[in-house]
Amino acid sequence: MIHLEKVCKQYNNNALSDEFGVKNITLNIESGEFVFFVGKSGAGKSTLLKLILKDIDPTSGDICVSNLPLNQLGEKQFPYYRRMFGIISKEIGLLENKTVYQNLELVMRVTGQPTKTIKESIPKALGLVGMTKKMQSYPLELSEGERFKVLMARAIINNPLIVVADEPTANLDYETAWDIMNLFNDINKLGKTVLIATHATNIVAAMEKRVITIKDGRILSDVTKGKYGRVL
């Protein structure tokens, strides 16, 4: 599904600079895996996700996703590539002047989905995250946890292969954070590959998924059914 081979991302063009986002990363992620990327702020977790999403390009090395070499991906192919992903980001928020239903409808209209599919898919996606009753609510009427659930529904509405989230439980209380992580687990059970960068140490330890610990841009450890590494 996802393969990185000796990938480096250098943020300074000076060859002598040590300013690397990631350095010499080789990694395989199979279809349907649930993977946590953990490490301190600045360790390289977000850079790694951005490389996989092709938000940024590597300085060196090769990345292949679903048998598609990203260095061969043209501008016309990029929108179709990104449709493989459901991206959950608080930075790309909900439109406040539209209802929950309308926010999700807009995402489906942009990708050219027919009205019948839209009417069937929106209740299904909201039902998966427990937000069906809030379909006609506006974002300002929702709690922070509820808003995040709508972002999750928005991410999966077009049936992506891979779901990506960067610090999804930041600023959420412990109970809500657990609720969100359990929803990610439900999404994973649908066959989606789930990639999450997080600092939520207790939750990572308890869920016993694959845990890849990043330190100074390198993979420090990669453990199946792992816990948040103590040495970061």
C-alpha atoms as a PDB file:
ATOM      1  CA  MET A   1       0.000   0.000   0.000  1.00  0.00           C
ATOM      2  CA  ILE A   2       2.575   2.609   1.153  1.00  0.00           C
ATOM      3  CA  HIS A   3       6.322   2.236   0.658  1.00  0.00           C
ATOM      4  CA  LEU A   4       9.076   4.718   1.440  1.00  0.00           C
ATOM      5  CA  GLU A   5      12.644   3.940   0.440  1.00  0.00           C
ATOM      6  CA  LYS A   6      15.523   5.952   1.935  1.00  0.00           C
ATOM      7  CA  VAL A   7      13.407   9.111   2.039  1.00  0.00           C
ATOM      8  CA  CYS A   8      14.932  12.389   3.200  1.00  0.00           C
ATOM      9  CA  LYS A   9      13.330  15.810   3.460  1.00  0.00           C
ATOM     10  CA  GLN A  10      15.784  18.656   3.949  1.00  0.00           C
ATOM     11  CA  TYR A  11      14.295  22.078   4.644  1.00  0.00           C
ATOM     12  CA  ASN A  12      17.505  23.977   3.954  1.00  0.00           C
ATOM     13  CA  ASN A  13      19.139  23.729   0.521  1.00  0.00           C
ATOM     14  CA  ASN A  14      22.576  23.961   2.082  1.00  0.00           C
ATOM     15  CA  ALA A  15      24.098  20.492   1.694  1.00  0.00           C
ATOM     16  CA  LEU A  16      25.921  20.919   5.000  1.00  0.00           C
ATOM     17  CA  SER A  17      22.740  21.745   6.909  1.00  0.00           C
ATOM     18  CA  ASP A  18      21.307  19.371   9.505  1.00  0.00           C
ATOM     19  CA  GLU A  19      17.829  20.861   9.054  1.00  0.00           C
ATOM     20  CA  PHE A  20      16.049  17.658   8.098  1.00  0.00           C
ATOM     21  CA  GLY A  21      12.349  16.930   8.537  1.00  0.00           C
ATOM     22  CA  VAL A  22      12.970  13.234   8.016  1.00  0.00           C
ATOM     23  CA  LYS A  23      16.200  11.450   7.238  1.00  0.00           C
ATOM     24  CA  ASN A  24      16.758   8.085   5.557  1.00  0.00           C
ATOM     25  CA  ILE A  25      13.258   6.704   6.235  1.00  0.00           C
ATOM     26  CA  THR A  26      12.475   3.257   4.831  1.00  0.00           C
ATOM     27  CA  LEU A  27       8.983   2.061   5.684  1.00  0.00           C
ATOM     28  CA  ASN A  28       6.224  -0.302   4.537  1.00  0.00           C
ATOM     29  CA  ILE A  29       2.568   0.032   5.531  1.00  0.00           C
ATOM     30  CA  GLU A  30       0.144  -2.626   4.348  1.00  0.00           C
ATOM     31  CA  SER A  31      -3.445  -2.043   3.295  1.00  0.00           C
ATOM     32  CA  GLY A  32      -5.810  -2.051   6.275  1.00  0.00           C
ATOM     33  CA  GLU A  33      -3.159  -1.301   8.929  1.00  0.00           C
ATOM     34  CA  PHE A  34      -3.711   1.101  11.832  1.00  0.00           C
ATOM     35  CA  VAL A  35      -0.471   2.991  12.502  1.00  0.00           C
ATOM     36  CA  PHE A  36       0.420   5.563  15.148  1.00  0.00           C
ATOM     37  CA  PHE A  37       3.369   7.889  14.511  1.00  0.00           C
ATOM     38  CA  VAL A  38       4.655   9.179  17.828  1.00  0.00           C
ATOM     39  CA  GLY A  39       7.481  11.404  19.014  1.00  0.00           C
ATOM     40  CA  LYS A  40       8.193  14.849  20.368  1.00  0.00           C
ATOM     41  CA  SER A  41       7.150  18.025  18.546  1.00  0.00           C
ATOM     42  CA  GLY A  42       9.538  18.560  15.661  1.00  0.00           C
ATOM     43  CA  ALA A  43      10.528  14.885  15.493  1.00  0.00           C
ATOM     44  CA  GLY A  44       9.253  14.531  11.916  1.00  0.00           C
ATOM     45  CA  LYS A  45       5.789  12.988  12.329  1.00  0.00           C
ATOM     46  CA  SER A  46       3.917  15.701  10.439  1.00  0.00           C
ATOM     47  CA  THR A  47       6.600  15.846   7.749  1.00  0.00           C
ATOM     48  CA  LEU A  48       6.176  12.129   7.171  1.00  0.00           C
ATOM     49  CA  LEU A  49       2.409  12.470   6.729  1.00  0.00           C
ATOM     50  CA  LYS A  50       2.861  15.445   4.379  1.00  0.00           C
ATOM     51  CA  LEU A  51       5.265  13.409   2.243  1.00  0.00           C
ATOM     52  CA  ILE A  52       2.770  10.548   1.953  1.00  0.00           C
ATOM     53  CA  LEU A  53      -0.003  13.019   1.053  1.00  0.00           C
ATOM     54  CA  LYS A  54       2.363  14.716  -1.418  1.00  0.00           C
ATOM     55  CA  ASP A  55       1.842  18.067   0.258  1.00  0.00           C
ATOM     56  CA  ILE A  56       5.625  18.265   0.034  1.00  0.00           C
ATOM     57  CA  ASP A  57       8.188  16.367  -2.038  1.00  0.00           C
ATOM     58  CA  PRO A  58      11.217  14.504  -0.676  1.00  0.00           C
ATOM     59  CA  THR A  59      14.710  15.862  -1.155  1.00  0.00           C
ATOM     60  CA  SER A  60      15.789  12.322  -1.986  1.00  0.00           C
ATOM     61  CA  GLY A  61      14.407   8.799  -1.921  1.00  0.00           C
ATOM     62  CA  ASP A  62      11.273   7.214  -3.356  1.00  0.00           C
ATOM     63  CA  ILE A  63       7.657   7.042  -2.189  1.00  0.00           C
ATOM     64  CA  CYS A  64       5.097   4.696  -3.697  1.00  0.00           C
ATOM     65  CA  VAL A  65       1.412   4.590  -2.683  1.00  0.00           C
ATOM     66  CA  SER A  66      -0.967   1.970  -4.055  1.00  0.00           C
ATOM     67  CA  ASN A  67       1.641   1.043  -6.698  1.00  0.00           C
ATOM     68  CA  LEU A  68       1.906   4.678  -7.827  1.00  0.00           C
ATOM     69  CA  PRO A  69       5.397   6.247  -7.696  1.00  0.00           C
ATOM     70  CA  LEU A  70       4.839   9.778  -6.412  1.00  0.00           C
ATOM     71  CA  ASN A  71       7.816  11.178  -8.317  1.00  0.00           C
ATOM     72  CA  GLN A  72       5.937  10.312 -11.523  1.00  0.00           C
ATOM     73  CA  LEU A  73       2.683  11.949 -10.432  1.00  0.00           C
ATOM     74  CA  GLY A  74       1.708  14.827 -12.726  1.00  0.00           C
ATOM     75  CA  GLU A  75      -0.418  17.840 -11.874  1.00  0.00           C
ATOM     76  CA  LYS A  76      -3.464  16.394 -13.636  1.00  0.00           C
ATOM     77  CA  GLN A  77      -3.164  13.151 -11.659  1.00  0.00           C
ATOM     78  CA  PHE A  78      -2.770  14.859  -8.281  1.00  0.00           C
ATOM     79  CA  PRO A  79      -6.491  15.504  -7.565  1.00  0.00           C
ATOM     80  CA  TYR A  80      -7.278  11.851  -8.280  1.00  0.00           C
ATOM     81  CA  TYR A  81      -4.401  10.749  -6.051  1.00  0.00           C
ATOM     82  CA  ARG A  82      -5.671  12.836  -3.146  1.00  0.00           C
ATOM     83  CA  ARG A  83      -9.090  11.206  -3.432  1.00  0.00           C
ATOM     84  CA  MET A  84      -7.446   8.066  -2.093  1.00  0.00           C
ATOM     85  CA  PHE A  85      -7.164   9.912   1.230  1.00  0.00           C
ATOM     86  CA  GLY A  86      -9.592  11.061   3.872  1.00  0.00           C
ATOM     87  CA  ILE A  87      -7.751  13.894   5.592  1.00  0.00           C
ATOM     88  CA  ILE A  88      -8.914  14.977   9.034  1.00  0.00           C
ATOM     89  CA  SER A  89      -7.579  18.421   9.855  1.00  0.00           C
ATOM     90  CA  LYS A  90      -8.820  21.058  12.276  1.00  0.00           C
ATOM     91  CA  GLU A  91      -7.087  23.609  10.061  1.00  0.00           C
ATOM     92  CA  ILE A  92      -9.606  22.865   7.302  1.00  0.00           C
ATOM     93  CA  GLY A  93     -12.683  23.626   9.346  1.00  0.00           C
ATOM     94  CA  LEU A  94     -16.399  23.444   8.715  1.00  0.00           C
ATOM     95  CA  LEU A  95     -18.284  26.258   6.982  1.00  0.00           C
ATOM     96  CA  GLU A  96     -20.119  28.009   9.792  1.00  0.00           C
ATOM     97  CA  ASN A  97     -22.983  29.242   7.604  1.00  0.00           C
ATOM     98  CA  LYS A  98     -23.885  25.745   6.409  1.00  0.00           C
ATOM     99  CA  THR A  99     -25.461  22.853   8.278  1.00  0.00           C
ATOM    100  CA  VAL A 100     -23.647  19.612   8.965  1.00  0.00           C
ATOM    101  CA  TYR A 101     -25.515  18.030   6.044  1.00  0.00           C
ATOM    102  CA  GLN A 102     -24.614  20.908   3.717  1.00  0.00           C
ATOM    103  CA  ASN A 103     -20.935  20.748   4.704  1.00  0.00           C
ATOM    104  CA  LEU A 104     -20.786  17.087   3.732  1.00  0.00           C
ATOM    105  CA  GLU A 105     -22.910  17.627   0.643  1.00  0.00           C
ATOM    106  CA  LEU A 106     -20.449  20.239  -0.602  1.00  0.00           C
ATOM    107  CA  VAL A 107     -17.558  17.788  -0.387  1.00  0.00           C
ATOM    108  CA  MET A 108     -19.473  15.247  -2.462  1.00  0.00           C
ATOM    109  CA  ARG A 109     -20.628  17.801  -5.043  1.00  0.00           C
ATOM    110  CA  VAL A 110     -17.026  18.875  -5.625  1.00  0.00           C
ATOM    111  CA  THR A 111     -16.118  15.302  -6.575  1.00  0.00           C
ATOM    112  CA  GLY A 112     -19.090  15.020  -8.914  1.00  0.00           C
ATOM    113  CA  GLN A 113     -21.196  12.563  -6.921  1.00  0.00           C
ATOM    114  CA  PRO A 114     -24.828  12.173  -8.067  1.00  0.00           C
ATOM    115  CA  THR A 115     -27.669  13.363  -5.840  1.00  0.00           C
ATOM    116  CA  LYS A 116     -28.862   9.834  -5.090  1.00  0.00           C
ATOM    117  CA  THR A 117     -25.415   8.824  -3.832  1.00  0.00           C
ATOM    118  CA  ILE A 118     -25.185  11.992  -1.735  1.00  0.00           C
ATOM    119  CA  LYS A 119     -28.527  11.368  -0.043  1.00  0.00           C
ATOM    120  CA  GLU A 120     -27.491   7.796   0.784  1.00  0.00           C
ATOM    121  CA  SER A 121     -23.893   8.498   1.835  1.00  0.00           C
ATOM    122  CA  ILE A 122     -24.322  11.433   4.211  1.00  0.00           C
ATOM    123  CA  PRO A 123     -26.619   9.683   6.746  1.00  0.00           C
ATOM    124  CA  LYS A 124     -24.383   6.612   6.559  1.00  0.00           C
ATOM    125  CA  ALA A 125     -21.198   8.584   7.296  1.00  0.00           C
ATOM    126  CA  LEU A 126     -22.830  10.579  10.093  1.00  0.00           C
ATOM    127  CA  GLY A 127     -24.291   7.383  11.536  1.00  0.00           C
ATOM    128  CA  LEU A 128     -20.817   5.841  11.720  1.00  0.00           C
ATOM    129  CA  VAL A 129     -19.603   8.695  13.941  1.00  0.00           C
ATOM    130  CA  GLY A 130     -22.832   8.999  15.927  1.00  0.00           C
ATOM    131  CA  MET A 131     -23.899  12.363  14.531  1.00  0.00           C
ATOM    132  CA  THR A 132     -27.095  11.574  12.598  1.00  0.00           C
ATOM    133  CA  LYS A 133     -29.260  13.646  14.962  1.00  0.00           C
ATOM    134  CA  LYS A 134     -27.059  16.701  14.328  1.00  0.00           C
ATOM    135  CA  MET A 135     -27.502  16.598  10.552  1.00  0.00           C
ATOM    136  CA  GLN A 136     -29.370  19.917  10.396  1.00  0.00           C
ATOM    137  CA  SER A 137     -27.319  21.652  13.083  1.00  0.00           C
ATOM    138  CA  TYR A 138     -24.815  24.402  12.354  1.00  0.00           C
ATOM    139  CA  PRO A 139     -21.160  24.048  13.464  1.00  0.00           C
ATOM    140  CA  LEU A 140     -21.499  26.763  16.127  1.00  0.00           C
ATOM    141  CA  GLU A 141     -24.234  24.674  17.776  1.00  0.00           C
ATOM    142  CA  LEU A 142     -21.848  21.736  18.252  1.00  0.00           C
ATOM    143  CA  SER A 143     -19.310  20.942  20.960  1.00  0.00           C
ATOM    144  CA  GLU A 144     -15.659  20.646  19.962  1.00  0.00           C
ATOM    145  CA  GLY A 145     -15.901  16.860  20.079  1.00  0.00           C
ATOM    146  CA  GLU A 146     -19.025  16.882  17.903  1.00  0.00           C
ATOM    147  CA  ARG A 147     -17.367  19.166  15.382  1.00  0.00           C
ATOM    148  CA  PHE A 148     -14.445  16.779  15.176  1.00  0.00           C
ATOM    149  CA  LYS A 149     -16.808  13.867  14.541  1.00  0.00           C
ATOM    150  CA  VAL A 150     -18.273  15.797  11.627  1.00  0.00           C
ATOM    151  CA  LEU A 151     -14.721  16.294  10.302  1.00  0.00           C
ATOM    152  CA  MET A 152     -14.298  12.511  10.508  1.00  0.00           C
ATOM    153  CA  ALA A 153     -17.547  11.984   8.607  1.00  0.00           C
ATOM    154  CA  ARG A 154     -16.378  14.494   5.997  1.00  0.00           C
ATOM    155  CA  ALA A 155     -13.095  12.623   5.604  1.00  0.00           C
ATOM    156  CA  ILE A 156     -14.746   9.257   4.925  1.00  0.00           C
ATOM    157  CA  ILE A 157     -17.759  10.472   2.938  1.00  0.00           C
ATOM    158  CA  ASN A 158     -16.136   9.691  -0.442  1.00  0.00           C
ATOM    159  CA  ASN A 159     -14.943   6.237   0.633  1.00  0.00           C
ATOM    160  CA  PRO A 160     -11.138   6.808   0.727  1.00  0.00           C
ATOM    161  CA  LEU A 161      -8.604   4.005   0.995  1.00  0.00           C
ATOM    162  CA  ILE A 162      -6.482   5.795   3.607  1.00  0.00           C
ATOM    163  CA  VAL A 163      -7.532   8.015   6.530  1.00  0.00           C
ATOM    164  CA  VAL A 164      -4.918  10.456   7.850  1.00  0.00           C
ATOM    165  CA  ALA A 165      -5.037  12.590  10.998  1.00  0.00           C
ATOM    166  CA  ASP A 166      -2.410  14.815  12.606  1.00  0.00           C
ATOM    167  CA  GLU A 167      -2.900  15.245  16.376  1.00  0.00           C
ATOM    168  CA  PRO A 168      -6.649  14.487  16.251  1.00  0.00           C
ATOM    169  CA  THR A 169      -7.147  14.489  20.031  1.00  0.00           C
ATOM    170  CA  ALA A 170      -5.319  17.747  20.765  1.00  0.00           C
ATOM    171  CA  ASN A 171      -7.397  20.054  22.986  1.00  0.00           C
ATOM    172  CA  LEU A 172     -10.016  17.360  23.601  1.00  0.00           C
ATOM    173  CA  ASP A 173     -10.790  16.086  27.093  1.00  0.00           C
ATOM    174  CA  TYR A 174      -9.739  12.517  27.876  1.00  0.00           C
ATOM    175  CA  GLU A 175     -13.207  10.975  27.542  1.00  0.00           C
ATOM    176  CA  THR A 176     -13.866  12.659  24.185  1.00  0.00           C
ATOM    177  CA  ALA A 177     -10.396  11.722  22.953  1.00  0.00           C
ATOM    178  CA  TRP A 178     -11.122   8.072  23.721  1.00  0.00           C
ATOM    179  CA  ASP A 179     -14.433   8.337  21.920  1.00  0.00           C
ATOM    180  CA  ILE A 180     -12.662   9.728  18.846  1.00  0.00           C
ATOM    181  CA  MET A 181      -9.999   6.998  18.888  1.00  0.00           C
ATOM    182  CA  ASN A 182     -12.669   4.311  19.137  1.00  0.00           C
ATOM    183  CA  LEU A 183     -14.277   5.816  16.032  1.00  0.00           C
ATOM    184  CA  PHE A 184     -10.926   5.593  14.233  1.00  0.00           C
ATOM    185  CA  ASN A 185     -10.871   1.938  15.244  1.00  0.00           C
ATOM    186  CA  ASP A 186     -14.347   1.463  13.737  1.00  0.00           C
ATOM    187  CA  ILE A 187     -13.172   3.108  10.509  1.00  0.00           C
ATOM    188  CA  ASN A 188     -10.174   0.784  10.428  1.00  0.00           C
ATOM    189  CA  LYS A 189     -12.485  -2.213  10.791  1.00  0.00           C
ATOM    190  CA  LEU A 190     -14.152  -1.135   7.547  1.00  0.00           C
ATOM    191  CA  GLY A 191     -10.870  -1.955   5.817  1.00  0.00           C
ATOM    192  CA  LYS A 192      -9.423   1.564   5.746  1.00  0.00           C
ATOM    193  CA  THR A 193      -5.746   2.149   6.380  1.00  0.00           C
ATOM    194  CA  VAL A 194      -5.468   4.601   9.294  1.00  0.00           C
ATOM    195  CA  LEU A 195      -2.415   6.812   9.896  1.00  0.00           C
ATOM    196  CA  ILE A 196      -2.342   9.012  12.991  1.00  0.00           C
ATOM    197  CA  ALA A 197       0.370  11.316  14.345  1.00  0.00           C
ATOM    198  CA  THR A 198      -0.263  11.909  18.041  1.00  0.00           C
ATOM    199  CA  HIS A 199       1.055  12.770  21.499  1.00  0.00           C
ATOM    200  CA  ALA A 200      -1.768  10.890  23.256  1.00  0.00           C
ATOM    201  CA  THR A 201       0.522   8.555  25.193  1.00  0.00           C
ATOM    202  CA  ASN A 202      -2.083   6.759  27.315  1.00  0.00           C
ATOM    203  CA  ILE A 203      -4.398   6.087  24.399  1.00  0.00           C
ATOM    204  CA  VAL A 204      -1.588   4.818  22.165  1.00  0.00           C
ATOM    205  CA  ALA A 205      -0.411   2.466  24.897  1.00  0.00           C
ATOM    206  CA  ALA A 206      -3.891   1.092  25.529  1.00  0.00           C
ATOM    207  CA  MET A 207      -4.916   0.546  21.901  1.00  0.00           C
ATOM    208  CA  GLU A 208      -1.973  -1.729  21.064  1.00  0.00           C
ATOM    209  CA  LYS A 209      -1.728  -0.852  17.382  1.00  0.00           C
ATOM    210  CA  ARG A 210       1.418  -0.552  15.311  1.00  0.00           C
ATOM    211  CA  VAL A 211       3.504   2.262  16.796  1.00  0.00           C
ATOM    212  CA  ILE A 212       6.308   3.947  14.860  1.00  0.00           C
ATOM    213  CA  THR A 213       8.403   6.222  17.064  1.00  0.00           C
ATOM    214  CA  ILE A 214      10.191   9.092  15.309  1.00  0.00           C
ATOM    215  CA  LYS A 215      13.183  10.916  16.786  1.00  0.00           C
ATOM    216  CA  ASP A 216      15.223  13.597  15.015  1.00  0.00           C
ATOM    217  CA  GLY A 217      13.676  12.634  11.673  1.00  0.00           C
ATOM    218  CA  ARG A 218      14.550   8.956  11.942  1.00  0.00           C
ATOM    219  CA  ILE A 219      12.596   5.847  12.907  1.00  0.00           C
ATOM    220  CA  LEU A 220      13.645   5.010  16.465  1.00  0.00           C
ATOM    221  CA  SER A 221      11.373   1.969  16.780  1.00  0.00           C
ATOM    222  CA  ASP A 222       8.588   0.212  14.875  1.00  0.00           C
ATOM    223  CA  VAL A 223       6.523  -2.136  17.033  1.00  0.00           C
ATOM    224  CA  THR A 224       3.427  -4.177  16.234  1.00  0.00           C
ATOM    225  CA  LYS A 225       0.910  -3.893  19.086  1.00  0.00           C
ATOM    226  CA  GLY A 226       3.280  -1.384  20.601  1.00  0.00           C
ATOM    227  CA  LYS A 227       3.192   1.361  23.184  1.00  0.00           C
ATOM    228  CA  TYR A 228       4.338   4.963  23.201  1.00  0.00           C
ATOM    229  CA  GLY A 229       8.130   4.802  23.405  1.00  0.00           C
ATOM    230  CA  ARG A 230       9.648   6.039  26.676  1.00  0.00           C
ATOM    231  CA  VAL A 231      12.930   7.045  25.068  1.00  0.00           C
ATOM    232  CA  LEU A 232      12.135   9.856  22.601  1.00  0.00           C
END
